C-alpha atoms as a PDB file:
ATOM      1  CA  UNK A   1     -31.010  31.476 -19.175  1.00  0.00           C
ATOM      2  CA  UNK A   2     -31.863  30.070 -15.744  1.00  0.00           C
ATOM      3  CA  UNK A   3     -30.639  31.761 -12.551  1.00  0.00           C
ATOM      4  CA  UNK A   4     -29.604  30.202  -9.254  1.00  0.00           C
ATOM      5  CA  UNK A   5     -28.783  32.021  -6.028  1.00  0.00           C
ATOM      6  CA  UNK A   6     -25.416  31.130  -4.535  1.00  0.00           C
ATOM      7  CA  UNK A   7     -26.982  30.987  -1.077  1.00  0.00           C
ATOM      8  CA  UNK A   8     -28.851  27.860  -2.186  1.00  0.00           C
ATOM      9  CA  UNK A   9     -25.530  26.358  -3.285  1.00  0.00           C
ATOM     10  CA  UNK A  10     -24.088  27.047   0.173  1.00  0.00           C
ATOM     11  CA  UNK A  11     -27.052  25.433   1.934  1.00  0.00           C
ATOM     12  CA  UNK A  12     -26.972  22.329  -0.264  1.00  0.00           C
ATOM     13  CA  UNK A  13     -23.208  21.918   0.033  1.00  0.00           C
ATOM     14  CA  UNK A  14     -23.494  22.147   3.807  1.00  0.00           C
ATOM     15  CA  UNK A  15     -26.120  19.409   3.830  1.00  0.00           C
ATOM     16  CA  UNK A  16     -24.096  17.180   1.509  1.00  0.00           C
ATOM     17  CA  UNK A  17     -21.027  17.449   3.765  1.00  0.00           C
ATOM     18  CA  UNK A  18     -23.033  16.276   6.750  1.00  0.00           C
ATOM     19  CA  UNK A  19     -24.995  13.565   4.959  1.00  0.00           C
ATOM     20  CA  UNK A  20     -21.855  12.139   3.338  1.00  0.00           C
ATOM     21  CA  UNK A  21     -20.244  11.733   6.748  1.00  0.00           C
ATOM     22  CA  UNK A  22     -23.344  10.315   8.436  1.00  0.00           C
ATOM     23  CA  UNK A  23     -25.051   8.068   5.875  1.00  0.00           C
ATOM     24  CA  UNK A  24     -23.492   5.568   3.472  1.00  0.00           C
ATOM     25  CA  UNK A  25     -25.206   5.068   0.124  1.00  0.00           C
ATOM     26  CA  UNK A  26     -27.328   1.884  -0.262  1.00  0.00           C
ATOM     27  CA  UNK A  27     -24.835   0.423  -2.767  1.00  0.00           C
ATOM     28  CA  UNK A  28     -22.069   0.593  -0.152  1.00  0.00           C
ATOM     29  CA  UNK A  29     -24.230  -1.015   2.543  1.00  0.00           C
ATOM     30  CA  UNK A  30     -25.179  -3.763   0.103  1.00  0.00           C
ATOM     31  CA  UNK A  31     -21.527  -4.354  -0.840  1.00  0.00           C
ATOM     32  CA  UNK A  32     -20.529  -4.652   2.819  1.00  0.00           C
ATOM     33  CA  UNK A  33     -23.318  -7.148   3.377  1.00  0.00           C
ATOM     34  CA  UNK A  34     -22.200  -9.229   0.394  1.00  0.00           C
ATOM     35  CA  UNK A  35     -18.602  -9.079   1.628  1.00  0.00           C
ATOM     36  CA  UNK A  36     -19.729 -10.367   5.014  1.00  0.00           C
ATOM     37  CA  UNK A  37     -21.479 -13.301   3.327  1.00  0.00           C
ATOM     38  CA  UNK A  38     -18.485 -14.070   1.087  1.00  0.00           C
ATOM     39  CA  UNK A  39     -15.795 -13.794   3.766  1.00  0.00           C
ATOM     40  CA  UNK A  40     -14.434 -17.150   4.972  1.00  0.00           C
ATOM     41  CA  UNK A  41     -12.361 -15.804   7.860  1.00  0.00           C
ATOM     42  CA  UNK A  42     -14.217 -15.792  11.187  1.00  0.00           C
ATOM     43  CA  UNK A  43     -12.353 -12.658  12.233  1.00  0.00           C
ATOM     44  CA  UNK A  44     -13.090 -11.066   8.874  1.00  0.00           C
ATOM     45  CA  UNK A  45     -16.800 -11.849   9.140  1.00  0.00           C
ATOM     46  CA  UNK A  46     -16.896 -10.347  12.615  1.00  0.00           C
ATOM     47  CA  UNK A  47     -15.162  -7.177  11.415  1.00  0.00           C
ATOM     48  CA  UNK A  48     -17.547  -6.793   8.486  1.00  0.00           C
ATOM     49  CA  UNK A  49     -20.508  -7.255  10.796  1.00  0.00           C
ATOM     50  CA  UNK A  50     -19.170  -4.492  13.037  1.00  0.00           C
ATOM     51  CA  UNK A  51     -18.578  -2.191  10.042  1.00  0.00           C
ATOM     52  CA  UNK A  52     -22.172  -2.795   8.985  1.00  0.00           C
ATOM     53  CA  UNK A  53     -23.372  -2.056  12.514  1.00  0.00           C
ATOM     54  CA  UNK A  54     -21.196   1.062  12.740  1.00  0.00           C
ATOM     55  CA  UNK A  55     -22.728   2.451   9.543  1.00  0.00           C
ATOM     56  CA  UNK A  56     -26.230   1.805  10.877  1.00  0.00           C
ATOM     57  CA  UNK A  57     -25.496   3.587  14.163  1.00  0.00           C
ATOM     58  CA  UNK A  58     -23.976   6.572  12.342  1.00  0.00           C
ATOM     59  CA  UNK A  59     -27.038   6.938  10.118  1.00  0.00           C
ATOM     60  CA  UNK A  60     -29.469   6.503  13.016  1.00  0.00           C
ATOM     61  CA  UNK A  61     -27.757   8.864  15.453  1.00  0.00           C
ATOM     62  CA  UNK A  62     -26.392  11.257  12.801  1.00  0.00           C
ATOM     63  CA  UNK A  63     -22.820  10.970  13.935  1.00  0.00           C
ATOM     64  CA  UNK A  64     -19.695  10.511  11.798  1.00  0.00           C
ATOM     65  CA  UNK A  65     -19.052   7.058  10.363  1.00  0.00           C
ATOM     66  CA  UNK A  66     -15.342   7.669  11.013  1.00  0.00           C
ATOM     67  CA  UNK A  67     -13.426  10.108  13.191  1.00  0.00           C
ATOM     68  CA  UNK A  68     -11.496  11.205  10.086  1.00  0.00           C
ATOM     69  CA  UNK A  69     -14.197  13.216   8.357  1.00  0.00           C
ATOM     70  CA  UNK A  70     -11.809  14.033   5.539  1.00  0.00           C
ATOM     71  CA  UNK A  71     -10.843  16.869   3.316  1.00  0.00           C
ATOM     72  CA  UNK A  72     -13.850  17.854   1.205  1.00  0.00           C
ATOM     73  CA  UNK A  73     -13.338  16.951  -2.448  1.00  0.00           C
ATOM     74  CA  UNK A  74     -16.100  18.523  -4.534  1.00  0.00           C
ATOM     75  CA  UNK A  75     -16.954  17.684  -8.143  1.00  0.00           C
ATOM     76  CA  UNK A  76     -19.030  20.404  -9.800  1.00  0.00           C
ATOM     77  CA  UNK A  77     -20.790  20.274 -13.165  1.00  0.00           C
ATOM     78  CA  UNK A  78     -22.018  23.716 -14.254  1.00  0.00           C
ATOM     79  CA  UNK A  79     -24.593  23.994 -17.008  1.00  0.00           C
ATOM     80  CA  UNK A  80     -23.442  26.533 -19.572  1.00  0.00           C
ATOM     81  CA  UNK A  81     -26.944  28.063 -19.652  1.00  0.00           C
ATOM     82  CA  UNK A  82     -26.997  28.617 -15.888  1.00  0.00           C
ATOM     83  CA  UNK A  83     -26.339  32.028 -14.361  1.00  0.00           C
ATOM     84  CA  UNK A  84     -25.250  32.221 -10.714  1.00  0.00           C
ATOM     85  CA  UNK A  85     -26.390  35.229  -8.703  1.00  0.00           C
ATOM     86  CA  UNK A  86     -25.568  36.592  -5.263  1.00  0.00           C
ATOM     87  CA  UNK A  87     -21.851  35.899  -5.208  1.00  0.00           C
ATOM     88  CA  UNK A  88     -19.062  33.614  -6.357  1.00  0.00           C
ATOM     89  CA  UNK A  89     -19.753  29.908  -6.925  1.00  0.00           C
ATOM     90  CA  UNK A  90     -16.392  28.920  -5.447  1.00  0.00           C
ATOM     91  CA  UNK A  91     -17.004  31.042  -2.354  1.00  0.00           C
ATOM     92  CA  UNK A  92     -20.514  29.607  -2.027  1.00  0.00           C
ATOM     93  CA  UNK A  93     -19.187  26.034  -2.043  1.00  0.00           C
ATOM     94  CA  UNK A  94     -16.429  26.929   0.405  1.00  0.00           C
ATOM     95  CA  UNK A  95     -18.972  28.544   2.723  1.00  0.00           C
ATOM     96  CA  UNK A  96     -21.076  25.398   2.495  1.00  0.00           C
ATOM     97  CA  UNK A  97     -18.161  23.214   3.524  1.00  0.00           C
ATOM     98  CA  UNK A  98     -17.383  25.564   6.417  1.00  0.00           C
ATOM     99  CA  UNK A  99     -21.004  25.528   7.597  1.00  0.00           C
ATOM    100  CA  UNK A 100     -21.476  21.789   7.119  1.00  0.00           C
ATOM    101  CA  UNK A 101     -18.417  20.854   9.131  1.00  0.00           C
ATOM    102  CA  UNK A 102     -19.369  23.271  11.907  1.00  0.00           C
ATOM    103  CA  UNK A 103     -23.038  22.264  12.125  1.00  0.00           C
ATOM    104  CA  UNK A 104     -22.252  18.573  11.856  1.00  0.00           C
ATOM    105  CA  UNK A 105     -19.536  18.745  14.526  1.00  0.00           C
ATOM    106  CA  UNK A 106     -17.190  17.139  11.994  1.00  0.00           C
ATOM    107  CA  UNK A 107     -13.445  17.078  12.620  1.00  0.00           C
ATOM    108  CA  UNK A 108     -11.525  19.932  11.007  1.00  0.00           C
ATOM    109  CA  UNK A 109      -8.567  18.265   9.300  1.00  0.00           C
ATOM    110  CA  UNK A 110      -7.243  20.851   6.833  1.00  0.00           C
ATOM    111  CA  UNK A 111      -3.971  22.716   7.359  1.00  0.00           C
ATOM    112  CA  UNK A 112      -3.477  25.930   5.423  1.00  0.00           C
ATOM    113  CA  UNK A 113       0.152  25.429   4.474  1.00  0.00           C
ATOM    114  CA  UNK A 114       1.346  21.855   3.892  1.00  0.00           C
ATOM    115  CA  UNK A 115       4.734  22.670   5.425  1.00  0.00           C
ATOM    116  CA  UNK A 116       3.794  25.024   8.277  1.00  0.00           C
ATOM    117  CA  UNK A 117       0.878  22.687   9.219  1.00  0.00           C
ATOM    118  CA  UNK A 118      -1.386  25.255  10.936  1.00  0.00           C
ATOM    119  CA  UNK A 119      -5.014  24.110  10.961  1.00  0.00           C
ATOM    120  CA  UNK A 120      -7.427  26.424   9.121  1.00  0.00           C
ATOM    121  CA  UNK A 121     -10.004  25.683  11.821  1.00  0.00           C
ATOM    122  CA  UNK A 122     -13.000  25.149   9.534  1.00  0.00           C
ATOM    123  CA  UNK A 123     -11.936  22.383   7.109  1.00  0.00           C
ATOM    124  CA  UNK A 124     -11.610  24.798   4.208  1.00  0.00           C
ATOM    125  CA  UNK A 125     -10.577  25.234   1.515  1.00  0.00           C
ATOM    126  CA  UNK A 126     -12.179  22.296  -0.249  1.00  0.00           C
ATOM    127  CA  UNK A 127     -10.586  20.716  -3.319  1.00  0.00           C
ATOM    128  CA  UNK A 128     -12.924  21.597  -6.192  1.00  0.00           C
ATOM    129  CA  UNK A 129     -12.967  20.062  -9.666  1.00  0.00           C
ATOM    130  CA  UNK A 130     -14.981  21.961 -12.287  1.00  0.00           C
ATOM    131  CA  UNK A 131     -16.639  20.864 -15.519  1.00  0.00           C
ATOM    132  CA  UNK A 132     -18.748  22.977 -17.875  1.00  0.00           C
ATOM    133  CA  UNK A 133     -21.593  20.929 -19.362  1.00  0.00           C
ATOM    134  CA  UNK A 134     -24.660  21.544 -21.557  1.00  0.00           C
ATOM    135  CA  UNK A 135     -27.901  22.595 -19.892  1.00  0.00           C
ATOM    136  CA  UNK A 136     -28.965  24.880 -17.055  1.00  0.00           C
ATOM    137  CA  UNK A 137     -28.388  22.700 -13.996  1.00  0.00           C
ATOM    138  CA  UNK A 138     -25.725  22.571 -11.324  1.00  0.00           C
ATOM    139  CA  UNK A 139     -24.540  19.155 -10.083  1.00  0.00           C
ATOM    140  CA  UNK A 140     -22.532  18.995  -6.867  1.00  0.00           C
ATOM    141  CA  UNK A 141     -20.887  15.830  -5.547  1.00  0.00           C
ATOM    142  CA  UNK A 142     -19.133  15.967  -2.174  1.00  0.00           C
ATOM    143  CA  UNK A 143     -16.593  13.243  -1.421  1.00  0.00           C
ATOM    144  CA  UNK A 144     -14.960  13.527   2.032  1.00  0.00           C
ATOM    145  CA  UNK A 145     -11.536  11.900   1.617  1.00  0.00           C
ATOM    146  CA  UNK A 146      -9.770  10.572   4.677  1.00  0.00           C
ATOM    147  CA  UNK A 147      -5.987  10.552   4.884  1.00  0.00           C
ATOM    148  CA  UNK A 148      -5.594   6.875   5.761  1.00  0.00           C
ATOM    149  CA  UNK A 149      -6.630   5.752   2.296  1.00  0.00           C
ATOM    150  CA  UNK A 150      -5.472   8.865   0.425  1.00  0.00           C
ATOM    151  CA  UNK A 151      -1.932   8.494   1.753  1.00  0.00           C
ATOM    152  CA  UNK A 152      -1.669   4.990   0.297  1.00  0.00           C
ATOM    153  CA  UNK A 153      -2.703   6.094  -3.188  1.00  0.00           C
ATOM    154  CA  UNK A 154      -0.094   6.232  -5.945  1.00  0.00           C
ATOM    155  CA  UNK A 155       0.671   7.249  -9.518  1.00  0.00           C
ATOM    156  CA  UNK A 156       3.223   5.865 -11.935  1.00  0.00           C
ATOM    157  CA  UNK A 157       4.270   6.917 -15.409  1.00  0.00           C
ATOM    158  CA  UNK A 158       4.648   3.554 -17.120  1.00  0.00           C
ATOM    159  CA  UNK A 159       6.380   2.979 -20.417  1.00  0.00           C
ATOM    160  CA  UNK A 160       3.838   2.221 -23.154  1.00  0.00           C
ATOM    161  CA  UNK A 161       5.593  -1.114 -23.746  1.00  0.00           C
ATOM    162  CA  UNK A 162       4.607  -2.190 -20.220  1.00  0.00           C
ATOM    163  CA  UNK A 163       1.009  -2.143 -21.401  1.00  0.00           C
ATOM    164  CA  UNK A 164      -1.945  -3.738 -19.669  1.00  0.00           C
ATOM    165  CA  UNK A 165       0.120  -6.231 -17.691  1.00  0.00           C
ATOM    166  CA  UNK A 166       2.320  -3.457 -16.344  1.00  0.00           C
ATOM    167  CA  UNK A 167      -0.726  -1.451 -15.308  1.00  0.00           C
ATOM    168  CA  UNK A 168      -2.298  -4.449 -13.564  1.00  0.00           C
ATOM    169  CA  UNK A 169       0.917  -5.201 -11.697  1.00  0.00           C
ATOM    170  CA  UNK A 170       1.237  -1.605 -10.522  1.00  0.00           C
ATOM    171  CA  UNK A 171      -2.346  -1.631  -9.220  1.00  0.00           C
ATOM    172  CA  UNK A 172      -1.752  -4.894  -7.353  1.00  0.00           C
ATOM    173  CA  UNK A 173       1.566  -3.659  -5.963  1.00  0.00           C
ATOM    174  CA  UNK A 174      -0.119  -0.473  -4.697  1.00  0.00           C
ATOM    175  CA  UNK A 175      -2.834  -2.379  -2.838  1.00  0.00           C
ATOM    176  CA  UNK A 176      -0.319  -4.901  -1.498  1.00  0.00           C
ATOM    177  CA  UNK A 177       2.003  -2.173  -0.200  1.00  0.00           C
ATOM    178  CA  UNK A 178      -0.942  -0.395   1.429  1.00  0.00           C
ATOM    179  CA  UNK A 179      -1.792  -3.446   3.526  1.00  0.00           C
ATOM    180  CA  UNK A 180      -4.076  -2.553   6.452  1.00  0.00           C
ATOM    181  CA  UNK A 181      -3.402   1.210   6.329  1.00  0.00           C
ATOM    182  CA  UNK A 182      -6.377   2.261   4.134  1.00  0.00           C
ATOM    183  CA  UNK A 183      -8.871   0.277   6.266  1.00  0.00           C
ATOM    184  CA  UNK A 184      -9.957  -2.452   3.839  1.00  0.00           C
ATOM    185  CA  UNK A 185     -12.119  -3.764   2.300  1.00  0.00           C
ATOM    186  CA  UNK A 186     -11.403  -1.119  -0.305  1.00  0.00           C
ATOM    187  CA  UNK A 187     -12.929   0.478  -3.318  1.00  0.00           C
ATOM    188  CA  UNK A 188     -10.038   0.989  -5.718  1.00  0.00           C
ATOM    189  CA  UNK A 189     -10.295   3.904  -8.147  1.00  0.00           C
ATOM    190  CA  UNK A 190      -8.033   3.596 -11.184  1.00  0.00           C
ATOM    191  CA  UNK A 191      -7.272   6.222 -13.809  1.00  0.00           C
ATOM    192  CA  UNK A 192      -5.381   5.251 -16.943  1.00  0.00           C
ATOM    193  CA  UNK A 193      -4.237   7.679 -19.647  1.00  0.00           C
ATOM    194  CA  UNK A 194      -4.258  11.394 -20.199  1.00  0.00           C
ATOM    195  CA  UNK A 195      -1.403  13.131 -18.397  1.00  0.00           C
ATOM    196  CA  UNK A 196      -0.078  12.807 -14.862  1.00  0.00           C
ATOM    197  CA  UNK A 197      -2.754  15.016 -13.313  1.00  0.00           C
ATOM    198  CA  UNK A 198      -5.565  13.692 -15.534  1.00  0.00           C
ATOM    199  CA  UNK A 199      -4.902  10.089 -14.506  1.00  0.00           C
ATOM    200  CA  UNK A 200      -5.026  11.077 -10.829  1.00  0.00           C
ATOM    201  CA  UNK A 201      -8.297  12.961 -11.348  1.00  0.00           C
ATOM    202  CA  UNK A 202      -9.829   9.984 -13.187  1.00  0.00           C
ATOM    203  CA  UNK A 203      -8.889   7.690 -10.293  1.00  0.00           C
ATOM    204  CA  UNK A 204     -10.594  10.003  -7.807  1.00  0.00           C
ATOM    205  CA  UNK A 205     -13.675  10.471  -9.973  1.00  0.00           C
ATOM    206  CA  UNK A 206     -13.987   6.693 -10.380  1.00  0.00           C
ATOM    207  CA  UNK A 207     -14.807   6.460  -6.674  1.00  0.00           C
ATOM    208  CA  UNK A 208     -18.150   8.183  -7.312  1.00  0.00           C
ATOM    209  CA  UNK A 209     -19.523   5.259  -9.321  1.00  0.00           C
ATOM    210  CA  UNK A 210     -21.970   3.106  -7.318  1.00  0.00           C
ATOM    211  CA  UNK A 211     -20.198   0.102  -5.819  1.00  0.00           C
ATOM    212  CA  UNK A 212     -21.098  -2.978  -7.828  1.00  0.00           C
ATOM    213  CA  UNK A 213     -22.237  -1.053 -10.910  1.00  0.00           C
ATOM    214  CA  UNK A 214     -20.736  -2.561 -14.048  1.00  0.00           C
ATOM    215  CA  UNK A 215     -18.417  -0.526 -16.232  1.00  0.00           C
ATOM    216  CA  UNK A 216     -20.305   0.251 -19.481  1.00  0.00           C
ATOM    217  CA  UNK A 217     -17.218  -0.765 -21.479  1.00  0.00           C
ATOM    218  CA  UNK A 218     -17.121  -4.607 -21.617  1.00  0.00           C
ATOM    219  CA  UNK A 219     -13.327  -4.750 -21.781  1.00  0.00           C
ATOM    220  CA  UNK A 220     -12.938  -2.455 -18.775  1.00  0.00           C
ATOM    221  CA  UNK A 221     -15.630  -4.404 -16.923  1.00  0.00           C
ATOM    222  CA  UNK A 222     -13.623  -7.590 -17.493  1.00  0.00           C
ATOM    223  CA  UNK A 223     -10.453  -5.826 -16.307  1.00  0.00           C
ATOM    224  CA  UNK A 224     -12.195  -4.658 -13.135  1.00  0.00           C
ATOM    225  CA  UNK A 225     -13.429  -8.175 -12.384  1.00  0.00           C
ATOM    226  CA  UNK A 226      -9.950  -9.603 -12.935  1.00  0.00           C
ATOM    227  CA  UNK A 227      -8.385  -6.994 -10.652  1.00  0.00           C
ATOM    228  CA  UNK A 228     -10.904  -7.636  -7.860  1.00  0.00           C
ATOM    229  CA  UNK A 229     -10.156 -11.357  -8.086  1.00  0.00           C
ATOM    230  CA  UNK A 230      -6.392 -10.772  -7.954  1.00  0.00           C
ATOM    231  CA  UNK A 231      -6.609  -8.267  -5.093  1.00  0.00           C
ATOM    232  CA  UNK A 232      -8.773 -10.642  -3.085  1.00  0.00           C
ATOM    233  CA  UNK A 233      -6.080 -13.286  -3.376  1.00  0.00           C
ATOM    234  CA  UNK A 234      -3.586 -11.083  -1.529  1.00  0.00           C
ATOM    235  CA  UNK A 235      -4.922 -12.263   1.842  1.00  0.00           C
ATOM    236  CA  UNK A 236      -4.991  -8.793   3.417  1.00  0.00           C
ATOM    237  CA  UNK A 237      -8.660  -9.096   4.339  1.00  0.00           C
ATOM    238  CA  UNK A 238     -10.980  -6.835   6.337  1.00  0.00           C
ATOM    239  CA  UNK A 239      -9.004  -4.213   8.269  1.00  0.00           C
ATOM    240  CA  UNK A 240      -5.816  -6.053   7.274  1.00  0.00           C
ATOM    241  CA  UNK A 241      -6.387  -8.986   9.632  1.00  0.00           C
ATOM    242  CA  UNK A 242      -6.526 -11.623   6.910  1.00  0.00           C
ATOM    243  CA  UNK A 243      -9.320 -13.071   4.826  1.00  0.00           C
ATOM    244  CA  UNK A 244     -10.828 -13.287   1.384  1.00  0.00           C
ATOM    245  CA  UNK A 245     -12.282  -9.779   0.946  1.00  0.00           C
ATOM    246  CA  UNK A 246      -9.668  -7.057   0.510  1.00  0.00           C
ATOM    247  CA  UNK A 247     -11.568  -5.102  -2.165  1.00  0.00           C
ATOM    248  CA  UNK A 248     -15.281  -4.490  -2.575  1.00  0.00           C
ATOM    249  CA  UNK A 249     -14.765  -3.209  -6.110  1.00  0.00           C
ATOM    250  CA  UNK A 250     -12.324  -1.771  -8.632  1.00  0.00           C
ATOM    251  CA  UNK A 251     -13.519   1.135 -10.794  1.00  0.00           C
ATOM    252  CA  UNK A 252     -11.484   2.046 -13.883  1.00  0.00           C
ATOM    253  CA  UNK A 253     -11.704   5.201 -15.994  1.00  0.00           C
ATOM    254  CA  UNK A 254      -9.565   5.778 -19.085  1.00  0.00           C
ATOM    255  CA  UNK A 255      -8.649   8.765 -21.261  1.00  0.00           C
ATOM    256  CA  UNK A 256      -6.630   9.181 -24.483  1.00  0.00           C
ATOM    257  CA  UNK A 257      -2.923   9.759 -23.916  1.00  0.00           C
ATOM    258  CA  UNK A 258       0.338  10.659 -25.662  1.00  0.00           C
ATOM    259  CA  UNK A 259       2.023   8.015 -27.825  1.00  0.00           C
ATOM    260  CA  UNK A 260       4.994   8.023 -25.438  1.00  0.00           C
ATOM    261  CA  UNK A 261       3.007   7.894 -22.163  1.00  0.00           C
ATOM    262  CA  UNK A 262       1.066   5.423 -20.047  1.00  0.00           C
ATOM    263  CA  UNK A 263       0.058   7.158 -16.790  1.00  0.00           C
ATOM    264  CA  UNK A 264      -1.665   4.946 -14.222  1.00  0.00           C
ATOM    265  CA  UNK A 265      -3.105   6.319 -10.973  1.00  0.00           C
ATOM    266  CA  UNK A 266      -4.585   4.366  -8.082  1.00  0.00           C
ATOM    267  CA  UNK A 267      -6.803   6.159  -5.563  1.00  0.00           C
ATOM    268  CA  UNK A 268      -7.732   3.951  -2.645  1.00  0.00           C
ATOM    269  CA  UNK A 269     -10.884   4.419  -0.598  1.00  0.00           C
ATOM    270  CA  UNK A 270     -11.628   2.689   2.682  1.00  0.00           C
ATOM    271  CA  UNK A 271     -14.733   0.577   3.220  1.00  0.00           C
ATOM    272  CA  UNK A 272     -16.698   3.744   4.073  1.00  0.00           C
ATOM    273  CA  UNK A 273     -17.154   5.074   0.548  1.00  0.00           C
ATOM    274  CA  UNK A 274     -18.613   8.457   1.504  1.00  0.00           C
ATOM    275  CA  UNK A 275     -20.158  10.701  -1.119  1.00  0.00           C
ATOM    276  CA  UNK A 276     -23.394  12.561  -1.733  1.00  0.00           C
ATOM    277  CA  UNK A 277     -24.719  14.317  -4.842  1.00  0.00           C
ATOM    278  CA  UNK A 278     -27.356  16.959  -5.505  1.00  0.00           C
ATOM    279  CA  UNK A 279     -28.628  18.504  -8.731  1.00  0.00           C
ATOM    280  CA  UNK A 280     -29.928  22.071  -8.575  1.00  0.00           C
END
């Protein structure tokens, strides 16, 4: 049985919150560069060049890539042979988010009651998703999720008879209805199957996959390619001002479901696909 002090968890979570908001992963930078090369619209090319430049400035000067530094969504994998000491794991992660947003001078965007709308003042609580896994390690992934893209996400309970074509049409309709609001070019997370909440969680988790990485399932990889092609024919383009590149990638995750259900969730992410991971 391995032990890990919760104070270390707090320190690492704090760092991940700051790094995720300051530095895009290499796969995202590469995807933006490819989009710039592929874009045929002069305006679109110029926008993509500025997005590339903006990311470079943020990383160099350690300032936020976007003024909306998001609500902290945290995926946690806990090894079943790991023992946490010195406090509660949930409190340690929450303290890390609080510290990271304070030390990084990141905007505090969380309201404590969704109806009263009073800001909590420290960007907590985070949204935490837990998974117990074999081993003695702790894996933490922080995904700051801005409201512009989150608000344009959607879920639909399709009839099983609507099948693949119905799912594809819903995904396309969601991106089309979103238009410029989620700050394209997008990474589109898709969850298919399970139950209502499982499909939504799959769609969010799909955003953690490196942009451009192929789905290990050949059929899903083909579906993702087809969806990217269809989305990029919508003409929305970079920042919604027209062009060829509306989506950088589509990532699909699936899960078994009930014989009478076909849940499909679409979680949109703007061009700044912000996430950082650490293994302790």
